[in-house]
Amino acid sequence: MVSAADRRAAQAGAEMLRRGGSATDAAIATMLALTVVEPQSSGIGGGGFYVHSDAAGHVDTINGREKAPAAATPNWFLVDGKPRAFDDAQPGGLSTGVPGNVMLAARAHAEHGKLPWATLFGPAIRLADGFAISHSLHRALVNAPATGAFGDGAKLFYDSAGKPLPQGAMVHNRALGAFLRRVAAQGPTAFYHGQNAAAIAASVSTAKHNPAPMTVADVAAMSAPALPPLCGYYRDYRICGMGPPTSGGTTVFAILKQLERFQLGALGKDNPTAWHLIAESMRLAFADRDKYLADANFISVPVSGMMDPTYLATRSALIDPTHSLPHAVAGTPPGAAEIRIAPAAPQPERGTSHFVAVDRAGNAVSYTSTVESSFGSGIMVNGYYLNNQLTDFSFAPVGPDGAPVANRVEGGKRPRSSMAPTIVYTPDGHIRLVVGAAGGATIIAQVAKAIIGVVDWGQSAQQAIALPTLFAPGDTVFVERGTALEAMTPALRALGNTVEARDPSFKANAVEWVGGRWVGAADPRSEGMAIAE
């Protein structure tokens, strides 16, 4: 089974399973197809995180996060000593990191693929020869012309008057089709060396807005290292995710573990106290995330301390079921006492796509891929958009006290992420849920909510994903507009919470094992779909 944010991408993955491919083959084919049909969110011009489990529960993960060019400095996003506005920083070369998805895919395929590498490109190549604009793509073209029409995308997705092509219009991305054929035939070398590498470096360095130094050596130096998975237990369920530079693994686990002493199941999904507890736990977990999480190759990240049950019990003790904390601040997990770093200001995160694949042998892949905001940097090379992932760095390199910010820009560094591809196991060790989401920092909230829905509230994955989302990254609790959570606003405020309603921008996908079979789930707010093969 495959679950993805676009039916055609899910079909691409299912085709690999039908041919006898592995879950990894299916996931890679899905990622490649999303490059074509969901260019506003994902693709080979971006990066991602990959979590793989075999049927026995052995987990491995791959880091395909983008890198800053070697010339990047902590002052990268400063103008006259002040951080740029996000909308000014996004378009053009300054925001672009070296893409990691093709390197990730190559490593994953070498370790877990069954079908020939070139076979995985077939569906995406066919789609590039002609595909219809979806509702979500059309909406992005309308809402984000500053990047959608920044470069060659203007000719591909907009008419001669500069208006976005309508939903249903056929697009023929011949440049992308030709390039995918090259990568299919030549492997990742075709991406990270030669013409494509030169085109990436030149396009970034000579961008019409925010040109920034990037070299072919930066592109060639890209790697997709294996990382040790982060695993811990929540109510006897084993939860496994990714480590830094994403904050998803530690933060999702912290939210859950801090809630373990509360009887969420007895409270139920319709009880404002249950959502108050979730909000309080989320605020505490995000405070730690904002201070400590960054690329562990550049700063000492106290990962084991942040996952430590004893530490998280002390954080949980700060949660009062009857009243909200006035202000959530970072704690001092084991290993953090000697680290002098300042909390980072929140950074906008908007894009991304998540997909899940499971195969007949019981292997499962949870893979989150992104170009960051809509259409990334807007720069298009060989028919695909380059990411704006460097805007996930903290624009201000130091805090008010002069201490460095962990997630400041540095040459060769990977920016912090919120992506949270996750696999959940039953107490007897069987895969129970393979899940992830899109939507910037709300990814963490969506994944934690889905796990609570399944584990605590006995819901199906589809029901848990469909639950309204509460997002509390700081002292304000955001509830999904037009849902039961918004109706709970008076009760949440009576508990001391500052509450605001916000429009949904959520997109989760999952596959679960229930009743002796795999069952797919896709967010009803999206165009996602799960397809069994």
Protein backbone atom coordinates (compact mmCIF):
# COMPACT_ATOMS: atom_id res chain seq x y z
CA MET A 1 0.00 0.00 0.00
CA VAL A 2 1.02 3.58 -0.68
CA SER A 3 -0.42 6.78 0.80
CA ALA A 4 0.59 10.11 -0.72
CA ALA A 5 -0.63 13.67 -1.15
CA ASP A 6 -1.55 13.17 -4.83
CA ARG A 7 -3.37 10.23 -6.40
CA ARG A 8 -0.97 10.03 -9.33
CA ALA A 9 2.04 9.84 -7.05
CA ALA A 10 0.41 7.11 -4.97
CA GLN A 11 -0.30 5.24 -8.20
CA ALA A 12 3.37 5.53 -9.17
CA GLY A 13 4.37 3.88 -5.90
CA ALA A 14 1.69 1.21 -6.23
CA GLU A 15 2.99 0.39 -9.71
CA MET A 16 6.38 -0.45 -8.21
CA LEU A 17 4.74 -2.78 -5.68
CA ARG A 18 2.78 -4.43 -8.48
CA ARG A 19 6.09 -5.10 -10.26
CA GLY A 20 7.45 -6.81 -7.17
CA GLY A 21 9.30 -3.80 -5.82
CA SER A 22 10.05 -3.01 -2.20
CA ALA A 23 8.53 -0.33 -0.01
CA THR A 24 11.64 1.73 -0.74
CA ASP A 25 11.17 1.36 -4.50
CA ALA A 26 7.58 2.53 -4.08
CA ALA A 27 8.57 5.50 -1.93
CA ILE A 28 11.22 6.66 -4.40
CA ALA A 29 8.82 6.40 -7.34
CA THR A 30 6.30 8.41 -5.33
CA MET A 31 8.86 11.13 -4.58
CA LEU A 32 9.83 11.36 -8.25
CA ALA A 33 6.19 11.60 -9.34
CA LEU A 34 5.54 14.35 -6.80
CA THR A 35 8.37 16.32 -8.43
CA VAL A 36 6.14 16.53 -11.49
CA VAL A 37 2.60 16.87 -10.13
CA GLU A 38 3.22 18.65 -6.81
CA PRO A 39 6.15 20.97 -7.65
CA GLN A 40 4.96 23.56 -5.15
CA SER A 41 5.72 21.23 -2.23
CA SER A 42 8.24 18.52 -3.05
CA GLY A 43 10.70 17.13 -5.52
CA ILE A 44 14.26 16.42 -6.53
CA GLY A 45 15.15 20.09 -6.06
CA GLY A 46 14.59 19.67 -2.34
CA GLY A 47 15.48 17.26 0.43
CA GLY A 48 13.92 14.91 2.91
CA PHE A 49 14.09 12.39 5.71
CA TYR A 50 13.55 8.65 5.32
CA VAL A 51 12.67 6.10 8.00
CA HIS A 52 12.68 2.39 7.08
CA SER A 53 11.59 -0.61 9.09
CA ASP A 54 11.68 -4.26 8.20
CA ALA A 55 9.05 -6.69 9.45
CA ALA A 56 11.23 -7.60 12.45
CA GLY A 57 11.29 -3.99 13.63
CA HIS A 58 14.85 -3.09 12.64
CA VAL A 59 14.88 0.62 11.87
CA ASP A 60 17.30 2.69 9.83
CA THR A 61 17.08 6.30 8.73
CA ILE A 62 18.69 8.48 6.05
CA ASN A 63 19.28 12.22 6.20
CA GLY A 64 18.67 13.88 2.84
CA ARG A 65 18.40 17.41 4.21
CA GLU A 66 19.84 20.19 2.04
CA LYS A 67 23.14 21.91 2.83
CA ALA A 68 24.17 25.54 2.81
CA PRO A 69 26.95 26.39 0.36
CA ALA A 70 30.45 26.58 1.82
CA ALA A 71 30.47 30.38 1.52
CA ALA A 72 27.46 30.80 3.83
CA THR A 73 28.05 32.75 7.05
CA PRO A 74 25.97 33.51 10.17
CA ASN A 75 25.17 36.93 8.66
CA TRP A 76 23.65 35.35 5.55
CA PHE A 77 20.17 36.83 6.09
CA LEU A 78 21.16 40.12 7.70
CA VAL A 79 20.88 43.55 6.06
CA ASP A 80 22.47 46.41 7.98
CA GLY A 81 22.65 44.08 10.94
CA LYS A 82 18.93 43.26 10.90
CA PRO A 83 17.20 40.07 9.67
CA ARG A 84 15.59 40.28 6.25
CA ALA A 85 11.84 39.92 5.88
CA PHE A 86 10.94 36.35 4.99
CA ASP A 87 9.16 37.32 1.76
CA ASP A 88 12.32 39.11 0.61
CA ALA A 89 14.58 36.21 1.59
CA GLN A 90 12.60 33.42 -0.03
CA PRO A 91 12.83 34.10 -3.80
CA GLY A 92 16.21 33.69 -5.46
CA GLY A 93 19.60 32.32 -4.62
CA LEU A 94 20.08 33.28 -0.97
CA SER A 95 17.49 30.76 0.25
CA THR A 96 18.67 27.81 -1.85
CA GLY A 97 20.43 24.83 -0.35
CA VAL A 98 22.11 21.97 -2.21
CA PRO A 99 19.31 19.44 -2.87
CA GLY A 100 19.49 16.09 -1.10
CA ASN A 101 16.57 14.00 -2.35
CA VAL A 102 18.34 12.26 -5.23
CA MET A 103 21.28 11.34 -3.00
CA LEU A 104 18.85 10.06 -0.35
CA ALA A 105 17.00 8.01 -2.96
CA ALA A 106 20.23 6.52 -4.30
CA ARG A 107 21.37 5.42 -0.85
CA ALA A 108 17.95 4.03 0.10
CA HIS A 109 17.74 2.14 -3.19
CA ALA A 110 21.22 0.66 -2.74
CA GLU A 111 20.26 -0.58 0.72
CA HIS A 112 16.63 -1.61 0.28
CA GLY A 113 15.68 -1.49 -3.40
CA LYS A 114 14.69 -4.53 -5.46
CA LEU A 115 13.78 -3.12 -8.86
CA PRO A 116 16.32 -1.55 -11.23
CA TRP A 117 16.97 2.12 -10.48
CA ALA A 118 15.73 3.21 -13.92
CA THR A 119 12.39 1.46 -13.42
CA LEU A 120 11.52 3.79 -10.55
CA PHE A 121 11.53 6.78 -12.92
CA GLY A 122 8.97 5.40 -15.39
CA PRO A 123 5.79 6.88 -13.89
CA ALA A 124 7.34 10.32 -13.30
CA ILE A 125 8.69 10.44 -16.85
CA ARG A 126 5.25 9.60 -18.23
CA LEU A 127 3.66 12.28 -16.06
CA ALA A 128 6.19 14.86 -17.22
CA ASP A 129 5.10 14.16 -20.78
CA GLY A 130 1.65 15.46 -19.84
CA PHE A 131 -0.28 15.96 -16.59
CA ALA A 132 -3.28 17.98 -15.45
CA ILE A 133 -2.94 20.83 -12.97
CA SER A 134 -4.57 19.84 -9.68
CA HIS A 135 -6.64 22.08 -7.45
CA SER A 136 -3.81 22.44 -4.94
CA LEU A 137 -1.24 23.26 -7.62
CA HIS A 138 -3.53 25.85 -9.16
CA ARG A 139 -4.14 27.42 -5.76
CA ALA A 140 -0.39 27.63 -5.15
CA LEU A 141 0.16 29.23 -8.55
CA VAL A 142 -2.43 31.87 -7.66
CA ASN A 143 -1.10 32.50 -4.17
CA ALA A 144 2.66 32.32 -4.80
CA PRO A 145 3.51 33.96 -8.15
CA ALA A 146 6.66 35.50 -6.63
CA THR A 147 8.22 32.03 -6.72
CA GLY A 148 5.96 30.07 -9.06
CA ALA A 149 6.66 32.52 -11.87
CA PHE A 150 10.14 33.57 -10.72
CA GLY A 151 12.00 31.77 -13.52
CA ASP A 152 11.14 29.19 -16.15
CA GLY A 153 8.02 28.31 -14.18
CA ALA A 154 6.43 31.42 -15.68
CA LYS A 155 6.43 29.80 -19.13
CA LEU A 156 5.40 26.39 -17.84
CA PHE A 157 2.54 27.21 -15.47
CA TYR A 158 1.35 30.70 -16.47
CA ASP A 159 -0.13 32.02 -19.71
CA SER A 160 1.27 34.80 -21.88
CA ALA A 161 -0.59 37.39 -19.78
CA GLY A 162 1.00 36.07 -16.61
CA LYS A 163 -2.14 34.39 -15.28
CA PRO A 164 -1.91 30.90 -13.72
CA LEU A 165 -3.12 28.09 -15.92
CA PRO A 166 -6.49 26.79 -14.72
CA GLN A 167 -7.14 23.60 -12.82
CA GLY A 168 -7.28 20.74 -15.30
CA ALA A 169 -5.00 22.39 -17.84
CA MET A 170 -2.46 19.97 -19.32
CA VAL A 171 1.21 20.72 -18.71
CA HIS A 172 4.06 19.17 -20.71
CA ASN A 173 7.26 19.52 -18.70
CA ARG A 174 9.58 18.23 -21.37
CA ALA A 175 12.73 19.59 -19.74
CA LEU A 176 11.99 17.63 -16.58
CA GLY A 177 11.12 14.50 -18.53
CA ALA A 178 14.41 14.66 -20.41
CA PHE A 179 16.37 15.23 -17.21
CA LEU A 180 14.65 12.37 -15.38
CA ARG A 181 15.63 10.10 -18.26
CA ARG A 182 19.26 11.14 -17.73
CA VAL A 183 19.18 10.47 -13.99
CA ALA A 184 17.43 7.16 -14.62
CA ALA A 185 20.19 6.12 -16.99
CA GLN A 186 23.22 7.60 -15.20
CA GLY A 187 22.25 7.56 -11.52
CA PRO A 188 22.90 10.36 -9.03
CA THR A 189 26.04 11.40 -10.90
CA ALA A 190 23.78 13.06 -13.46
CA PHE A 191 22.39 15.25 -10.70
CA TYR A 192 25.47 16.14 -8.66
CA HIS A 193 28.02 16.48 -11.45
CA GLY A 194 28.16 17.79 -15.00
CA GLN A 195 25.52 19.94 -16.64
CA ASN A 196 22.94 19.86 -13.85
CA ALA A 197 25.42 20.72 -11.10
CA ALA A 198 26.73 23.60 -13.21
CA ALA A 199 23.18 24.79 -13.86
CA ILE A 200 22.31 24.75 -10.15
CA ALA A 201 25.45 26.68 -9.20
CA ALA A 202 25.03 29.22 -11.99
CA SER A 203 21.31 29.75 -11.37
CA VAL A 204 21.83 30.39 -7.67
CA SER A 205 24.90 32.57 -8.16
CA THR A 206 23.32 34.74 -10.86
CA ALA A 207 19.70 34.79 -9.66
CA LYS A 208 17.84 37.97 -10.56
CA HIS A 209 16.95 38.39 -6.88
CA ASN A 210 19.31 37.62 -3.99
CA PRO A 211 22.15 36.01 -5.98
CA ALA A 212 24.29 33.96 -3.63
CA PRO A 213 27.60 32.13 -3.99
CA MET A 214 27.15 28.45 -4.78
CA THR A 215 29.69 26.35 -6.65
CA VAL A 216 29.75 23.03 -8.45
CA ALA A 217 31.96 21.85 -5.59
CA ASP A 218 29.11 22.60 -3.17
CA VAL A 219 26.77 20.46 -5.27
CA ALA A 220 29.28 17.63 -5.67
CA ALA A 221 29.91 17.56 -1.91
CA MET A 222 26.32 16.59 -1.10
CA SER A 223 25.87 13.44 0.99
CA ALA A 224 22.95 11.55 2.51
CA PRO A 225 24.29 9.93 5.67
CA ALA A 226 22.60 7.21 7.65
CA LEU A 227 21.58 8.35 11.12
CA PRO A 228 20.77 6.30 14.19
CA PRO A 229 17.00 6.23 14.63
CA LEU A 230 15.46 7.86 17.69
CA CYS A 231 13.24 5.35 19.47
CA GLY A 232 11.44 5.44 22.80
CA TYR A 233 8.34 4.05 24.47
CA TYR A 234 4.97 5.70 24.99
CA ARG A 235 2.48 3.52 26.87
CA ASP A 236 4.42 0.40 25.79
CA TYR A 237 4.25 1.46 22.13
CA ARG A 238 7.67 1.91 20.54
CA ILE A 239 7.93 5.22 18.67
CA CYS A 240 10.76 5.60 16.11
CA GLY A 241 11.68 8.71 14.17
CA MET A 242 14.52 10.88 12.87
CA GLY A 243 17.28 12.70 14.70
CA PRO A 244 18.83 16.11 13.99
CA PRO A 245 18.89 18.16 11.88
CA THR A 246 15.16 17.58 12.07
CA SER A 247 13.45 18.40 15.34
CA GLY A 248 10.55 16.10 14.56
CA GLY A 249 11.79 12.97 16.31
CA THR A 250 12.71 14.52 19.64
CA THR A 251 9.75 16.91 19.79
CA VAL A 252 7.03 14.40 18.88
CA PHE A 253 8.43 11.99 21.47
CA ALA A 254 8.67 14.69 24.15
CA ILE A 255 5.05 15.73 23.60
CA LEU A 256 3.92 12.13 23.98
CA LYS A 257 6.14 11.16 26.90
CA GLN A 258 5.22 14.25 28.91
CA LEU A 259 1.56 13.22 28.52
CA GLU A 260 2.09 9.64 29.64
CA ARG A 261 1.09 10.24 33.27
CA PHE A 262 -2.30 11.62 32.23
CA GLN A 263 -5.28 9.42 31.38
CA LEU A 264 -5.96 10.81 27.93
CA GLY A 265 -7.97 7.74 27.00
CA ALA A 266 -10.37 8.27 29.87
CA LEU A 267 -10.69 11.97 29.11
CA GLY A 268 -11.41 11.35 25.42
CA LYS A 269 -11.13 13.47 22.33
CA ASP A 270 -14.12 15.67 23.17
CA ASN A 271 -12.79 16.87 26.52
CA PRO A 272 -11.19 20.34 26.60
CA THR A 273 -8.90 19.22 29.43
CA ALA A 274 -7.35 16.60 27.15
CA TRP A 275 -6.52 19.25 24.55
CA HIS A 276 -5.28 21.62 27.25
CA LEU A 277 -2.83 18.92 28.38
CA ILE A 278 -1.69 18.37 24.79
CA ALA A 279 -1.17 22.12 24.36
CA GLU A 280 0.87 22.41 27.56
CA SER A 281 3.07 19.47 26.60
CA MET A 282 3.56 20.89 23.13
CA ARG A 283 4.59 24.29 24.49
CA LEU A 284 7.24 22.72 26.71
CA ALA A 285 8.55 20.46 23.94
CA PHE A 286 8.76 23.35 21.46
CA ALA A 287 10.67 25.47 23.98
CA ASP A 288 13.36 22.78 24.12
CA ARG A 289 13.25 22.37 20.34
CA ASP A 290 13.71 26.07 19.70
CA LYS A 291 16.76 26.27 21.94
CA TYR A 292 18.67 23.06 21.29
CA LEU A 293 17.82 21.57 17.90
CA ALA A 294 20.15 22.11 14.95
CA ASP A 295 22.59 20.20 12.75
CA ALA A 296 24.47 17.96 15.19
CA ASN A 297 27.58 18.12 13.02
CA PHE A 298 27.91 21.80 13.97
CA ILE A 299 26.65 21.99 17.54
CA SER A 300 26.31 19.58 20.43
CA VAL A 301 22.63 18.64 20.50
CA PRO A 302 21.62 16.88 23.76
CA VAL A 303 19.48 14.33 21.91
CA SER A 304 19.67 11.54 24.48
CA GLY A 305 18.91 14.02 27.25
CA MET A 306 15.90 15.36 25.38
CA MET A 307 14.60 11.78 24.99
CA ASP A 308 15.42 10.78 28.59
CA PRO A 309 12.28 9.57 30.44
CA THR A 310 13.45 10.99 33.76
CA TYR A 311 14.05 14.43 32.25
CA LEU A 312 10.72 14.35 30.44
CA ALA A 313 9.00 13.40 33.71
CA THR A 314 10.38 16.61 35.25
CA ARG A 315 9.01 18.56 32.30
CA SER A 316 5.66 16.78 32.65
CA ALA A 317 5.51 17.84 36.31
CA LEU A 318 5.19 21.44 35.06
CA ILE A 319 1.86 20.60 33.43
CA ASP A 320 -1.19 21.50 35.51
CA PRO A 321 -4.51 20.05 34.32
CA THR A 322 -6.33 23.01 35.86
CA HIS A 323 -4.32 25.94 34.55
CA SER A 324 -1.90 26.96 31.81
CA LEU A 325 1.73 27.86 32.35
CA PRO A 326 2.19 31.64 32.05
CA HIS A 327 5.26 31.11 29.86
CA ALA A 328 6.94 27.94 28.61
CA VAL A 329 10.73 28.05 28.73
CA ALA A 330 13.38 25.53 27.77
CA GLY A 331 14.63 23.11 30.39
CA THR A 332 18.12 21.73 30.87
CA PRO A 333 18.17 18.15 29.62
CA PRO A 334 21.11 15.93 30.56
CA GLY A 335 24.13 16.97 28.51
CA ALA A 336 22.94 20.53 27.96
CA ALA A 337 24.37 22.28 31.01
CA GLU A 338 27.66 23.20 29.30
CA ILE A 339 26.06 24.42 26.08
CA ARG A 340 25.80 28.20 25.84
CA ILE A 341 23.20 28.88 23.20
CA ALA A 342 20.24 31.22 22.90
CA PRO A 343 16.66 30.30 22.02
CA ALA A 344 15.80 30.97 18.40
CA ALA A 345 12.96 33.14 17.15
CA PRO A 346 10.25 31.19 15.29
CA GLN A 347 10.81 30.77 11.56
CA PRO A 348 8.00 30.38 9.01
CA GLU A 349 7.78 26.88 7.52
CA ARG A 350 5.09 26.23 4.97
CA GLY A 351 5.59 23.49 2.40
CA THR A 352 6.36 19.77 2.22
CA SER A 353 4.82 16.41 1.27
CA HIS A 354 4.71 13.13 3.14
CA PHE A 355 4.24 9.62 1.79
CA VAL A 356 4.18 6.10 3.18
CA ALA A 357 4.78 2.75 1.52
CA VAL A 358 4.55 -0.82 2.82
CA ASP A 359 5.31 -3.97 0.85
CA ARG A 360 4.28 -7.62 0.95
CA ALA A 361 7.28 -8.58 3.08
CA GLY A 362 6.22 -6.18 5.82
CA ASN A 363 8.86 -3.52 5.12
CA ALA A 364 7.66 0.03 5.69
CA VAL A 365 8.94 3.47 4.67
CA SER A 366 7.93 6.82 6.11
CA TYR A 367 9.43 9.57 3.93
CA THR A 368 8.92 13.32 4.17
CA SER A 369 10.14 15.44 1.25
CA THR A 370 10.08 19.18 0.73
CA VAL A 371 11.17 22.21 -1.27
CA GLU A 372 10.07 24.29 1.78
CA SER A 373 7.67 27.14 0.87
CA SER A 374 5.52 27.11 -2.26
CA PHE A 375 7.79 26.51 -5.27
CA GLY A 376 10.85 26.85 -3.05
CA SER A 377 13.18 29.62 -4.17
CA GLY A 378 11.38 29.93 -7.50
CA ILE A 379 14.57 29.04 -9.37
CA MET A 380 13.91 26.31 -11.91
CA VAL A 381 16.64 24.07 -13.31
CA ASN A 382 15.94 21.33 -15.87
CA GLY A 383 12.20 21.60 -15.20
CA TYR A 384 12.24 21.30 -11.39
CA TYR A 385 12.16 23.98 -8.70
CA LEU A 386 15.06 24.49 -6.33
CA ASN A 387 14.25 24.69 -2.63
CA ASN A 388 14.30 27.69 -0.30
CA GLN A 389 15.40 25.49 2.57
CA LEU A 390 17.99 27.89 3.96
CA THR A 391 15.15 30.05 5.28
CA ASP A 392 14.70 27.29 7.87
CA PHE A 393 17.86 28.62 9.50
CA SER A 394 17.49 31.27 12.17
CA PHE A 395 17.93 34.64 10.48
CA ALA A 396 19.37 36.18 13.67
CA PRO A 397 22.66 34.41 14.50
CA VAL A 398 22.82 35.47 18.15
CA GLY A 399 20.30 35.89 20.92
CA PRO A 400 19.60 39.00 23.01
CA ASP A 401 22.28 37.93 25.51
CA GLY A 402 24.89 37.58 22.77
CA ALA A 403 24.92 33.79 22.91
CA PRO A 404 24.95 32.05 19.52
CA VAL A 405 21.74 30.54 18.18
CA ALA A 406 22.11 26.81 17.54
CA ASN A 407 20.31 26.99 14.18
CA ARG A 408 22.31 29.93 12.80
CA VAL A 409 23.58 29.78 9.21
CA GLU A 410 27.01 28.21 8.61
CA GLY A 411 28.76 26.92 5.50
CA GLY A 412 27.96 23.26 4.80
CA LYS A 413 25.36 23.14 7.57
CA ARG A 414 21.90 21.61 7.21
CA PRO A 415 19.02 23.77 8.50
CA ARG A 416 16.76 22.58 11.28
CA SER A 417 13.55 20.93 10.13
CA SER A 418 10.19 19.98 11.62
CA MET A 419 9.72 16.90 9.44
CA ALA A 420 8.66 13.91 11.51
CA PRO A 421 8.46 10.64 9.57
CA THR A 422 7.49 8.16 12.26
CA ILE A 423 6.84 4.44 12.76
CA VAL A 424 4.87 3.15 15.75
CA TYR A 425 5.04 -0.46 17.00
CA THR A 426 2.59 -2.39 19.15
CA PRO A 427 3.77 -3.72 22.53
CA ASP A 428 4.42 -7.10 20.87
CA GLY A 429 6.71 -5.48 18.28
CA HIS A 430 4.53 -5.41 15.15
CA ILE A 431 4.30 -2.24 13.09
CA ARG A 432 1.08 -0.50 14.11
CA LEU A 433 1.28 2.87 12.33
CA VAL A 434 3.49 4.47 9.68
CA VAL A 435 2.79 8.19 9.65
CA GLY A 436 4.02 11.66 8.77
CA ALA A 437 2.70 15.03 7.69
CA ALA A 438 3.32 18.26 5.81
CA GLY A 439 2.76 21.82 6.92
CA GLY A 440 5.92 23.32 8.41
CA ALA A 441 6.18 23.29 12.18
CA THR A 442 2.60 22.00 12.43
CA ILE A 443 3.98 18.65 11.21
CA ILE A 444 5.00 17.88 14.79
CA ALA A 445 1.52 18.67 16.10
CA GLN A 446 -0.18 16.61 13.38
CA VAL A 447 1.97 13.54 13.98
CA ALA A 448 1.64 13.69 17.78
CA LYS A 449 -2.14 14.10 17.43
CA ALA A 450 -2.38 11.12 15.06
CA ILE A 451 -0.47 8.88 17.47
CA ILE A 452 -2.63 10.01 20.40
CA GLY A 453 -5.73 9.33 18.34
CA VAL A 454 -4.64 5.78 17.57
CA VAL A 455 -2.99 4.84 20.87
CA ASP A 456 -5.11 6.72 23.42
CA TRP A 457 -8.46 7.19 21.75
CA GLY A 458 -8.69 3.90 19.85
CA GLN A 459 -9.24 5.57 16.51
CA SER A 460 -8.34 4.37 13.05
CA ALA A 461 -5.48 6.15 11.36
CA GLN A 462 -7.99 7.85 9.07
CA GLN A 463 -10.03 9.12 12.01
CA ALA A 464 -6.91 10.27 13.88
CA ILE A 465 -5.58 12.21 10.90
CA ALA A 466 -9.00 13.80 10.39
CA LEU A 467 -9.12 15.04 14.00
CA PRO A 468 -8.83 18.83 14.27
CA THR A 469 -5.31 20.05 14.91
CA LEU A 470 -4.12 22.04 17.88
CA PHE A 471 -0.77 23.77 17.48
CA ALA A 472 0.99 25.37 20.44
CA PRO A 473 4.59 26.30 19.54
CA GLY A 474 4.73 29.07 22.14
CA ASP A 475 2.44 30.93 24.49
CA THR A 476 -0.44 31.07 22.02
CA VAL A 477 -2.54 27.98 21.34
CA PHE A 478 -3.79 27.84 17.76
CA VAL A 479 -6.92 25.79 17.09
CA GLU A 480 -8.19 24.74 13.70
CA ARG A 481 -10.91 27.10 12.53
CA GLY A 482 -14.39 25.69 12.01
CA THR A 483 -13.83 22.57 14.09
CA ALA A 484 -14.77 21.19 17.50
CA LEU A 485 -11.52 22.67 18.81
CA GLU A 486 -12.65 26.18 17.96
CA ALA A 487 -15.88 25.46 19.81
CA MET A 488 -13.76 24.55 22.85
CA THR A 489 -12.09 27.98 22.87
CA PRO A 490 -14.04 29.31 25.88
CA ALA A 491 -13.19 26.21 27.91
CA LEU A 492 -9.52 26.39 26.91
CA ARG A 493 -9.39 30.08 27.82
CA ALA A 494 -10.99 29.30 31.18
CA LEU A 495 -7.93 27.11 31.83
CA GLY A 496 -5.68 30.12 31.23
CA ASN A 497 -4.76 29.50 27.59
CA THR A 498 -4.35 32.25 25.04
CA VAL A 499 -6.27 30.83 22.08
CA GLU A 500 -6.54 31.88 18.45
CA ALA A 501 -8.28 30.15 15.54
CA ARG A 502 -6.33 29.63 12.34
CA ASP A 503 -7.18 28.24 8.94
CA PRO A 504 -6.11 24.64 8.31
CA SER A 505 -2.97 23.95 6.30
CA PHE A 506 -2.58 20.30 7.16
CA LYS A 507 -1.66 17.28 5.05
CA ALA A 508 -0.95 13.96 6.79
CA ASN A 509 -0.63 10.47 5.34
CA ALA A 510 -0.42 7.08 7.02
CA VAL A 511 -0.74 3.34 6.72
CA GLU A 512 -1.76 1.21 9.68
CA TRP A 513 -1.79 -2.51 10.48
CA VAL A 514 -5.19 -3.39 11.88
CA GLY A 515 -7.31 -6.51 11.75
CA GLY A 516 -4.52 -8.48 10.12
CA ARG A 517 -4.15 -6.20 7.10
CA TRP A 518 -2.72 -2.86 5.96
CA VAL A 519 -5.19 0.02 5.82
CA GLY A 520 -4.33 3.38 4.31
CA ALA A 521 -5.20 6.88 5.47
CA ALA A 522 -4.96 10.31 3.87
CA ASP A 523 -5.85 13.73 5.17
CA PRO A 524 -9.40 14.73 4.16
CA ARG A 525 -8.20 18.35 4.00
CA SER A 526 -5.90 17.40 1.11
CA GLU A 527 -6.06 15.66 -2.25
CA GLY A 528 -4.19 12.73 -0.75
CA MET A 529 -5.04 9.13 -1.38
CA ALA A 530 -4.03 5.66 -0.22
CA ILE A 531 -3.84 2.95 -2.87
CA ALA A 532 -3.59 -0.76 -2.12
CA GLU A 533 -1.75 -3.07 -4.51
